[in-house]
């Protein structure tokens, strides 16, 4: 690769993670979350910019979505359960029209609304992986995927009870 192209690749770098690594992370998230299609989340929306990537799984017959958000600045990943507005993602982030519309998955476990002691592995990964690198995102995504597979029915029941 020529010096100009190498420098251009470095300029495209955002927060220490190069475009090819972003693509790798995006593909990993899509691959690790494809099981959601099998449990009724038949549509997904991708949103990407310099600092983050969001993959939102939406079900045509449910009033909530499961969202995966990668923060490239902090090299972290979060999973949110989102209340839909007329079948679409809400315009607000945490709040929309005076109501909370997004909740971090960990909060559902912390509050005891969903019982599974293995969710604390996410906390352990964040403590163990203090360095900002893509290995942290990969470890978190693998753990989130495992926890979601195990608890998706409980999440769906909780969301249908709160509607």
N, C-alpha and C. Protein backbone atom coordinates (compact mmCIF):
# COMPACT_ATOMS: atom_id res chain seq x y z
N UNK A 1 0.86 -1.17 0.00
CA UNK A 1 0.00 0.00 0.00
C UNK A 1 0.90 1.23 0.00
N UNK A 2 0.60 2.20 -0.84
CA UNK A 2 1.40 3.41 -0.92
C UNK A 2 1.31 4.24 0.35
N UNK A 3 2.29 5.13 0.53
CA UNK A 3 2.33 5.98 1.72
C UNK A 3 1.07 6.82 1.83
N UNK A 4 0.59 7.39 0.71
CA UNK A 4 -0.62 8.22 0.75
C UNK A 4 -1.81 7.41 1.25
N UNK A 5 -1.99 6.20 0.71
CA UNK A 5 -3.13 5.38 1.13
C UNK A 5 -3.01 4.98 2.60
N UNK A 6 -1.79 4.69 3.04
CA UNK A 6 -1.58 4.35 4.45
C UNK A 6 -1.94 5.55 5.34
N UNK A 7 -1.51 6.74 4.93
CA UNK A 7 -1.84 7.94 5.71
C UNK A 7 -3.34 8.21 5.67
N UNK A 8 -3.97 7.99 4.52
CA UNK A 8 -5.41 8.18 4.41
C UNK A 8 -6.14 7.22 5.35
N UNK A 9 -5.67 5.99 5.41
CA UNK A 9 -6.29 5.01 6.31
C UNK A 9 -6.16 5.48 7.76
N UNK A 10 -5.03 6.04 8.11
CA UNK A 10 -4.83 6.55 9.46
C UNK A 10 -5.76 7.73 9.71
N UNK A 11 -5.95 8.61 8.72
CA UNK A 11 -6.86 9.74 8.89
C UNK A 11 -8.30 9.29 9.09
N UNK A 12 -8.66 8.20 8.44
CA UNK A 12 -10.02 7.68 8.57
C UNK A 12 -10.23 7.08 9.96
N UNK A 13 -9.13 6.76 10.62
CA UNK A 13 -9.18 6.19 11.96
C UNK A 13 -10.03 7.08 12.86
N UNK A 14 -10.92 6.47 13.61
CA UNK A 14 -11.76 7.25 14.53
C UNK A 14 -11.63 6.67 15.93
N UNK A 15 -10.96 7.39 16.80
CA UNK A 15 -10.84 6.95 18.17
C UNK A 15 -10.01 5.69 18.35
N UNK A 16 -9.08 5.45 17.46
CA UNK A 16 -8.18 4.32 17.63
C UNK A 16 -8.65 3.03 16.97
N UNK A 17 -9.74 3.07 16.25
CA UNK A 17 -10.22 1.85 15.61
C UNK A 17 -10.38 2.12 14.12
N UNK A 18 -9.66 1.37 13.30
CA UNK A 18 -9.65 1.59 11.86
C UNK A 18 -10.91 1.04 11.21
N UNK A 19 -11.17 1.53 10.00
CA UNK A 19 -12.38 1.14 9.28
C UNK A 19 -12.50 -0.38 9.11
N UNK A 20 -11.39 -1.07 8.83
CA UNK A 20 -11.49 -2.52 8.66
C UNK A 20 -11.87 -3.20 9.97
N UNK A 21 -11.44 -2.65 11.10
CA UNK A 21 -11.84 -3.19 12.39
C UNK A 21 -13.31 -2.88 12.67
N UNK A 22 -13.76 -1.72 12.25
CA UNK A 22 -15.18 -1.38 12.41
C UNK A 22 -16.04 -2.38 11.64
N UNK A 23 -15.61 -2.69 10.43
CA UNK A 23 -16.35 -3.65 9.61
C UNK A 23 -16.36 -5.03 10.26
N UNK A 24 -15.23 -5.42 10.83
CA UNK A 24 -15.13 -6.71 11.52
C UNK A 24 -16.10 -6.74 12.70
N UNK A 25 -16.15 -5.68 13.47
CA UNK A 25 -17.04 -5.60 14.63
C UNK A 25 -18.49 -5.62 14.18
N UNK A 26 -18.81 -4.86 13.16
CA UNK A 26 -20.18 -4.82 12.62
C UNK A 26 -20.61 -6.22 12.19
N UNK A 27 -19.76 -6.91 11.46
CA UNK A 27 -20.08 -8.26 11.00
C UNK A 27 -20.25 -9.23 12.16
N UNK A 28 -19.41 -9.09 13.18
CA UNK A 28 -19.52 -9.94 14.37
C UNK A 28 -20.87 -9.73 15.06
N UNK A 29 -21.28 -8.48 15.19
CA UNK A 29 -22.55 -8.18 15.84
C UNK A 29 -23.71 -8.77 15.03
N UNK A 30 -23.70 -8.56 13.74
CA UNK A 30 -24.77 -9.11 12.90
C UNK A 30 -24.80 -10.64 13.00
N UNK A 31 -23.64 -11.25 12.96
CA UNK A 31 -23.56 -12.72 13.05
C UNK A 31 -24.05 -13.22 14.41
N UNK A 32 -23.62 -12.57 15.49
CA UNK A 32 -23.98 -13.02 16.84
C UNK A 32 -25.42 -12.73 17.22
N UNK A 33 -26.09 -11.89 16.46
CA UNK A 33 -27.46 -11.52 16.82
C UNK A 33 -28.49 -12.04 15.82
N UNK A 34 -28.05 -12.77 14.83
CA UNK A 34 -28.98 -13.25 13.80
C UNK A 34 -30.07 -14.15 14.38
N UNK A 35 -29.83 -14.76 15.54
CA UNK A 35 -30.84 -15.60 16.17
C UNK A 35 -32.11 -14.82 16.49
N UNK A 36 -32.00 -13.50 16.60
CA UNK A 36 -33.19 -12.69 16.90
C UNK A 36 -34.22 -12.77 15.78
N UNK A 37 -33.77 -12.98 14.56
CA UNK A 37 -34.71 -13.15 13.44
C UNK A 37 -35.58 -14.38 13.66
N UNK A 38 -35.00 -15.41 14.26
CA UNK A 38 -35.72 -16.66 14.50
C UNK A 38 -36.77 -16.54 15.61
N UNK A 39 -36.65 -15.51 16.45
CA UNK A 39 -37.60 -15.34 17.55
C UNK A 39 -38.50 -14.12 17.34
N UNK A 40 -38.66 -13.73 16.07
CA UNK A 40 -39.67 -12.73 15.74
C UNK A 40 -39.21 -11.32 15.43
N UNK A 41 -37.92 -11.05 15.52
CA UNK A 41 -37.43 -9.70 15.19
C UNK A 41 -37.05 -9.72 13.71
N UNK A 42 -38.07 -9.50 12.88
CA UNK A 42 -37.94 -9.74 11.45
C UNK A 42 -37.37 -8.57 10.65
N UNK A 43 -37.21 -7.43 11.26
CA UNK A 43 -36.64 -6.27 10.57
C UNK A 43 -35.45 -5.74 11.37
N UNK A 44 -34.48 -5.21 10.66
CA UNK A 44 -33.42 -4.53 11.40
C UNK A 44 -32.98 -3.27 10.67
N UNK A 45 -32.52 -2.33 11.47
CA UNK A 45 -32.07 -1.03 10.96
C UNK A 45 -30.64 -0.84 11.44
N UNK A 46 -29.77 -0.44 10.52
CA UNK A 46 -28.39 -0.12 10.87
C UNK A 46 -28.20 1.39 10.77
N UNK A 47 -27.51 1.93 11.74
CA UNK A 47 -27.16 3.35 11.72
C UNK A 47 -25.69 3.45 12.09
N UNK A 48 -24.96 4.19 11.29
CA UNK A 48 -23.52 4.26 11.53
C UNK A 48 -23.02 5.68 11.28
N UNK A 49 -22.12 6.11 12.13
CA UNK A 49 -21.40 7.35 11.86
C UNK A 49 -19.97 7.18 12.36
N UNK A 50 -19.23 8.25 12.42
CA UNK A 50 -17.82 8.16 12.76
C UNK A 50 -17.60 7.53 14.13
N UNK A 51 -18.44 7.88 15.10
CA UNK A 51 -18.19 7.47 16.49
C UNK A 51 -19.01 6.30 16.97
N UNK A 52 -20.04 5.89 16.24
CA UNK A 52 -20.82 4.76 16.74
C UNK A 52 -21.52 3.99 15.63
N UNK A 53 -21.98 2.83 16.03
CA UNK A 53 -22.74 1.95 15.14
C UNK A 53 -23.88 1.38 15.96
N UNK A 54 -25.09 1.41 15.40
CA UNK A 54 -26.26 0.86 16.09
C UNK A 54 -26.97 -0.11 15.15
N UNK A 55 -27.29 -1.27 15.70
CA UNK A 55 -28.08 -2.27 14.99
C UNK A 55 -29.34 -2.48 15.82
N UNK A 56 -30.49 -2.17 15.23
CA UNK A 56 -31.77 -2.26 15.93
C UNK A 56 -32.61 -3.37 15.30
N UNK A 57 -32.98 -4.35 16.10
CA UNK A 57 -33.88 -5.42 15.65
C UNK A 57 -35.29 -5.07 16.07
N UNK A 58 -36.18 -5.03 15.10
CA UNK A 58 -37.57 -4.63 15.32
C UNK A 58 -38.48 -5.78 14.90
N UNK A 59 -39.48 -6.03 15.71
CA UNK A 59 -40.46 -7.06 15.41
C UNK A 59 -41.73 -6.40 14.91
N UNK A 60 -42.30 -6.94 13.86
CA UNK A 60 -43.53 -6.36 13.32
C UNK A 60 -44.73 -6.66 14.21
N UNK A 61 -44.59 -7.59 15.16
CA UNK A 61 -45.73 -7.89 16.02
C UNK A 61 -45.45 -7.65 17.51
N UNK A 62 -44.43 -6.86 17.79
CA UNK A 62 -44.13 -6.48 19.18
C UNK A 62 -43.95 -4.97 19.24
N UNK A 63 -44.08 -4.44 20.45
CA UNK A 63 -43.94 -2.99 20.63
C UNK A 63 -42.57 -2.60 21.18
N UNK A 64 -41.58 -3.45 20.97
CA UNK A 64 -40.24 -3.12 21.44
C UNK A 64 -39.19 -3.63 20.44
N UNK A 65 -38.00 -3.10 20.60
CA UNK A 65 -36.86 -3.50 19.77
C UNK A 65 -35.70 -3.87 20.69
N UNK A 66 -34.76 -4.62 20.15
CA UNK A 66 -33.51 -4.91 20.83
C UNK A 66 -32.43 -4.19 20.03
N UNK A 67 -31.68 -3.31 20.71
CA UNK A 67 -30.67 -2.50 20.01
C UNK A 67 -29.27 -2.78 20.55
N UNK A 68 -28.32 -2.82 19.63
CA UNK A 68 -26.91 -3.01 19.96
C UNK A 68 -26.19 -1.74 19.53
N UNK A 69 -25.54 -1.11 20.47
CA UNK A 69 -24.87 0.15 20.19
C UNK A 69 -23.38 0.03 20.50
N UNK A 70 -22.55 0.29 19.50
CA UNK A 70 -21.10 0.27 19.67
C UNK A 70 -20.62 1.70 19.72
N UNK A 71 -19.88 2.02 20.76
CA UNK A 71 -19.27 3.34 20.92
C UNK A 71 -17.80 3.20 20.58
N UNK A 72 -17.38 3.76 19.45
CA UNK A 72 -16.01 3.62 19.00
C UNK A 72 -15.04 4.50 19.79
N UNK A 73 -15.51 5.55 20.41
CA UNK A 73 -14.62 6.38 21.23
C UNK A 73 -14.17 5.63 22.46
N UNK A 74 -15.13 5.02 23.16
CA UNK A 74 -14.82 4.29 24.38
C UNK A 74 -14.57 2.80 24.13
N UNK A 75 -14.75 2.39 22.89
CA UNK A 75 -14.63 0.98 22.52
C UNK A 75 -15.44 0.12 23.48
N UNK A 76 -16.74 0.35 23.43
CA UNK A 76 -17.67 -0.36 24.31
C UNK A 76 -18.92 -0.70 23.52
N UNK A 77 -19.69 -1.63 24.02
CA UNK A 77 -20.94 -2.03 23.39
C UNK A 77 -22.02 -2.11 24.46
N UNK A 78 -23.22 -1.71 24.09
CA UNK A 78 -24.37 -1.72 24.99
C UNK A 78 -25.54 -2.38 24.28
N UNK A 79 -26.40 -3.02 25.06
CA UNK A 79 -27.64 -3.58 24.53
C UNK A 79 -28.78 -2.87 25.23
N UNK A 80 -29.72 -2.39 24.42
CA UNK A 80 -30.86 -1.66 24.96
C UNK A 80 -32.16 -2.32 24.52
N UNK A 81 -33.14 -2.28 25.40
CA UNK A 81 -34.50 -2.68 25.06
C UNK A 81 -35.25 -1.38 24.86
N UNK A 82 -35.87 -1.22 23.70
CA UNK A 82 -36.44 0.06 23.28
C UNK A 82 -37.93 -0.08 22.99
N UNK A 83 -38.71 0.81 23.57
CA UNK A 83 -40.15 0.85 23.30
C UNK A 83 -40.36 1.57 21.97
N UNK A 84 -41.08 0.94 21.07
CA UNK A 84 -41.34 1.52 19.76
C UNK A 84 -42.50 2.51 19.82
N UNK A 85 -42.48 3.44 18.91
CA UNK A 85 -43.56 4.41 18.77
C UNK A 85 -44.23 4.16 17.41
N UNK A 86 -45.43 3.63 17.44
CA UNK A 86 -46.15 3.27 16.22
C UNK A 86 -45.32 2.36 15.32
N UNK A 87 -44.65 1.38 15.93
CA UNK A 87 -43.86 0.41 15.18
C UNK A 87 -42.50 0.90 14.72
N UNK A 88 -42.12 2.11 15.12
CA UNK A 88 -40.84 2.69 14.70
C UNK A 88 -40.01 3.06 15.92
N UNK A 89 -38.71 3.20 15.69
CA UNK A 89 -37.84 3.64 16.77
C UNK A 89 -38.24 5.04 17.21
N UNK A 90 -38.20 5.33 18.50
CA UNK A 90 -38.59 6.65 18.98
C UNK A 90 -37.57 7.71 18.57
N UNK A 91 -38.03 8.96 18.53
CA UNK A 91 -37.13 10.04 18.14
C UNK A 91 -36.19 10.43 19.28
N UNK A 92 -36.61 10.27 20.51
CA UNK A 92 -35.74 10.57 21.65
C UNK A 92 -34.81 9.41 21.94
N UNK A 93 -33.75 9.70 22.69
CA UNK A 93 -32.82 8.61 23.00
C UNK A 93 -33.31 7.84 24.23
N UNK A 94 -33.17 8.40 25.42
CA UNK A 94 -33.69 7.72 26.61
C UNK A 94 -35.14 8.08 26.87
N UNK A 95 -35.50 9.31 26.56
CA UNK A 95 -36.86 9.78 26.82
C UNK A 95 -37.50 10.22 25.51
N UNK A 96 -38.82 10.02 25.43
CA UNK A 96 -39.58 10.47 24.27
C UNK A 96 -40.98 10.80 24.76
N UNK A 97 -41.39 12.04 24.54
CA UNK A 97 -42.72 12.50 24.96
C UNK A 97 -42.95 12.25 26.45
N UNK A 98 -41.91 12.49 27.25
CA UNK A 98 -42.02 12.37 28.70
C UNK A 98 -41.94 10.97 29.25
N UNK A 99 -41.71 9.98 28.41
CA UNK A 99 -41.63 8.59 28.86
C UNK A 99 -40.26 8.01 28.54
N UNK A 100 -39.77 7.16 29.45
CA UNK A 100 -38.53 6.46 29.18
C UNK A 100 -38.78 5.43 28.09
N UNK A 101 -37.94 5.45 27.06
CA UNK A 101 -38.14 4.54 25.92
C UNK A 101 -36.99 3.55 25.72
N UNK A 102 -35.86 3.81 26.34
CA UNK A 102 -34.73 2.88 26.21
C UNK A 102 -34.22 2.51 27.60
N UNK A 103 -33.96 1.22 27.77
CA UNK A 103 -33.41 0.71 29.02
C UNK A 103 -32.24 -0.20 28.69
N UNK A 104 -31.12 0.01 29.37
CA UNK A 104 -29.98 -0.88 29.19
C UNK A 104 -30.34 -2.27 29.72
N UNK A 105 -29.94 -3.29 28.99
CA UNK A 105 -30.24 -4.66 29.36
C UNK A 105 -29.79 -4.95 30.79
N UNK A 106 -28.62 -4.46 31.18
CA UNK A 106 -28.12 -4.70 32.54
C UNK A 106 -29.09 -4.21 33.60
N UNK A 107 -29.79 -3.11 33.32
CA UNK A 107 -30.74 -2.55 34.30
C UNK A 107 -31.89 -3.52 34.57
N UNK A 108 -32.29 -4.29 33.57
CA UNK A 108 -33.35 -5.27 33.76
C UNK A 108 -32.90 -6.37 34.72
N UNK A 109 -31.63 -6.72 34.66
CA UNK A 109 -31.09 -7.73 35.58
C UNK A 109 -30.82 -7.13 36.95
N UNK A 110 -30.21 -5.94 36.99
CA UNK A 110 -29.92 -5.27 38.27
C UNK A 110 -31.18 -5.07 39.10
N UNK A 111 -32.26 -4.70 38.44
CA UNK A 111 -33.51 -4.40 39.13
C UNK A 111 -34.25 -5.66 39.58
N UNK A 112 -33.82 -6.81 39.08
CA UNK A 112 -34.49 -8.06 39.42
C UNK A 112 -35.71 -8.34 38.56
N UNK A 113 -35.95 -7.49 37.56
CA UNK A 113 -37.09 -7.73 36.67
C UNK A 113 -36.89 -9.00 35.85
N UNK A 114 -35.63 -9.31 35.58
CA UNK A 114 -35.27 -10.57 34.93
C UNK A 114 -34.18 -11.21 35.79
N UNK A 115 -34.38 -12.46 36.13
CA UNK A 115 -33.46 -13.15 37.03
C UNK A 115 -32.49 -14.04 36.24
N UNK A 116 -31.21 -13.73 36.35
CA UNK A 116 -30.15 -14.55 35.77
C UNK A 116 -28.84 -14.01 36.32
N UNK A 117 -28.22 -14.77 37.17
CA UNK A 117 -27.02 -14.28 37.83
C UNK A 117 -25.81 -14.20 36.90
N UNK A 118 -25.88 -14.86 35.76
CA UNK A 118 -24.75 -14.86 34.83
C UNK A 118 -24.56 -13.51 34.14
N UNK A 119 -25.54 -12.61 34.23
CA UNK A 119 -25.40 -11.31 33.57
C UNK A 119 -24.22 -10.53 34.14
N UNK A 120 -23.81 -10.83 35.38
CA UNK A 120 -22.69 -10.09 35.98
C UNK A 120 -21.38 -10.34 35.24
N UNK A 121 -21.36 -11.32 34.38
CA UNK A 121 -20.16 -11.56 33.56
C UNK A 121 -19.85 -10.33 32.70
N UNK A 122 -20.87 -9.57 32.33
CA UNK A 122 -20.65 -8.34 31.57
C UNK A 122 -19.84 -7.34 32.39
N UNK A 123 -20.18 -7.22 33.66
CA UNK A 123 -19.42 -6.33 34.56
C UNK A 123 -17.97 -6.82 34.66
N UNK A 124 -17.81 -8.13 34.81
CA UNK A 124 -16.46 -8.70 34.91
C UNK A 124 -15.63 -8.40 33.66
N UNK A 125 -16.24 -8.53 32.49
CA UNK A 125 -15.51 -8.25 31.25
C UNK A 125 -15.08 -6.79 31.22
N UNK A 126 -15.96 -5.88 31.61
CA UNK A 126 -15.60 -4.45 31.60
C UNK A 126 -14.45 -4.18 32.57
N UNK A 127 -14.42 -4.86 33.70
CA UNK A 127 -13.33 -4.69 34.67
C UNK A 127 -12.03 -5.29 34.14
N UNK A 128 -12.14 -6.47 33.52
CA UNK A 128 -10.95 -7.17 33.02
C UNK A 128 -10.36 -6.48 31.79
N UNK A 129 -11.21 -5.95 30.94
CA UNK A 129 -10.78 -5.38 29.66
C UNK A 129 -10.76 -3.85 29.75
N UNK A 130 -9.87 -3.32 30.57
CA UNK A 130 -9.82 -1.86 30.73
C UNK A 130 -9.17 -1.16 29.54
N UNK A 131 -8.33 -1.87 28.81
CA UNK A 131 -7.70 -1.27 27.64
C UNK A 131 -8.74 -1.06 26.56
N UNK A 132 -8.60 0.05 25.85
CA UNK A 132 -9.51 0.35 24.75
C UNK A 132 -9.02 -0.38 23.50
N UNK A 133 -9.65 -1.52 23.23
CA UNK A 133 -9.35 -2.25 22.01
C UNK A 133 -10.56 -3.08 21.62
N UNK A 134 -10.52 -3.58 20.40
CA UNK A 134 -11.69 -4.30 19.90
C UNK A 134 -11.93 -5.62 20.61
N UNK A 135 -10.93 -6.16 21.32
CA UNK A 135 -11.14 -7.41 22.06
C UNK A 135 -12.22 -7.24 23.12
N UNK A 136 -12.29 -6.06 23.72
CA UNK A 136 -13.33 -5.78 24.71
C UNK A 136 -14.72 -5.87 24.07
N UNK A 137 -14.88 -5.25 22.91
CA UNK A 137 -16.17 -5.28 22.22
C UNK A 137 -16.53 -6.72 21.85
N UNK A 138 -15.57 -7.47 21.37
CA UNK A 138 -15.83 -8.85 20.98
C UNK A 138 -16.24 -9.69 22.19
N UNK A 139 -15.52 -9.54 23.30
CA UNK A 139 -15.87 -10.30 24.51
C UNK A 139 -17.25 -9.92 25.01
N UNK A 140 -17.54 -8.62 25.04
CA UNK A 140 -18.87 -8.18 25.49
C UNK A 140 -19.96 -8.68 24.56
N UNK A 141 -19.74 -8.59 23.27
CA UNK A 141 -20.76 -9.01 22.32
C UNK A 141 -21.05 -10.50 22.43
N UNK A 142 -20.00 -11.29 22.61
CA UNK A 142 -20.20 -12.73 22.79
C UNK A 142 -21.02 -13.01 24.05
N UNK A 143 -20.73 -12.31 25.12
CA UNK A 143 -21.47 -12.51 26.38
C UNK A 143 -22.91 -12.02 26.26
N UNK A 144 -23.09 -10.84 25.67
CA UNK A 144 -24.46 -10.34 25.46
C UNK A 144 -25.28 -11.34 24.64
N UNK A 145 -24.68 -11.89 23.61
CA UNK A 145 -25.38 -12.84 22.76
C UNK A 145 -25.82 -14.06 23.56
N UNK A 146 -24.93 -14.59 24.38
CA UNK A 146 -25.26 -15.74 25.22
C UNK A 146 -26.39 -15.42 26.18
N UNK A 147 -26.31 -14.27 26.83
CA UNK A 147 -27.33 -13.86 27.80
C UNK A 147 -28.67 -13.63 27.11
N UNK A 148 -28.64 -12.98 25.96
CA UNK A 148 -29.89 -12.73 25.23
C UNK A 148 -30.55 -14.03 24.78
N UNK A 149 -29.77 -14.95 24.25
CA UNK A 149 -30.34 -16.23 23.81
C UNK A 149 -31.05 -16.92 24.97
N UNK A 150 -30.42 -16.86 26.13
CA UNK A 150 -30.96 -17.54 27.31
C UNK A 150 -32.20 -16.83 27.86
N UNK A 151 -32.28 -15.51 27.70
CA UNK A 151 -33.31 -14.72 28.37
C UNK A 151 -34.29 -14.00 27.45
N UNK A 152 -34.23 -14.23 26.15
CA UNK A 152 -35.08 -13.46 25.23
C UNK A 152 -36.57 -13.65 25.54
N UNK A 153 -36.97 -14.85 25.91
CA UNK A 153 -38.39 -15.06 26.24
C UNK A 153 -38.81 -14.24 27.45
N UNK A 154 -37.94 -14.16 28.46
CA UNK A 154 -38.24 -13.35 29.65
C UNK A 154 -38.31 -11.87 29.31
N UNK A 155 -37.43 -11.42 28.42
CA UNK A 155 -37.45 -10.01 28.00
C UNK A 155 -38.75 -9.72 27.26
N UNK A 156 -39.14 -10.61 26.38
CA UNK A 156 -40.39 -10.41 25.63
C UNK A 156 -41.60 -10.39 26.55
N UNK A 157 -41.64 -11.29 27.53
CA UNK A 157 -42.75 -11.31 28.49
C UNK A 157 -42.78 -10.02 29.29
N UNK A 158 -41.63 -9.58 29.75
CA UNK A 158 -41.56 -8.34 30.52
C UNK A 158 -42.06 -7.16 29.70
N UNK A 159 -41.64 -7.08 28.46
CA UNK A 159 -42.06 -5.97 27.59
C UNK A 159 -43.56 -6.03 27.31
N UNK A 160 -44.11 -7.21 27.13
CA UNK A 160 -45.55 -7.29 26.84
C UNK A 160 -46.37 -6.98 28.09
N UNK A 161 -45.82 -7.23 29.29
CA UNK A 161 -46.52 -6.88 30.53
C UNK A 161 -46.51 -5.39 30.79
N UNK A 162 -45.48 -4.68 30.30
CA UNK A 162 -45.35 -3.25 30.55
C UNK A 162 -46.05 -2.40 29.50
N UNK A 163 -46.55 -3.02 28.44
CA UNK A 163 -47.18 -2.25 27.35
C UNK A 163 -48.55 -1.77 27.75
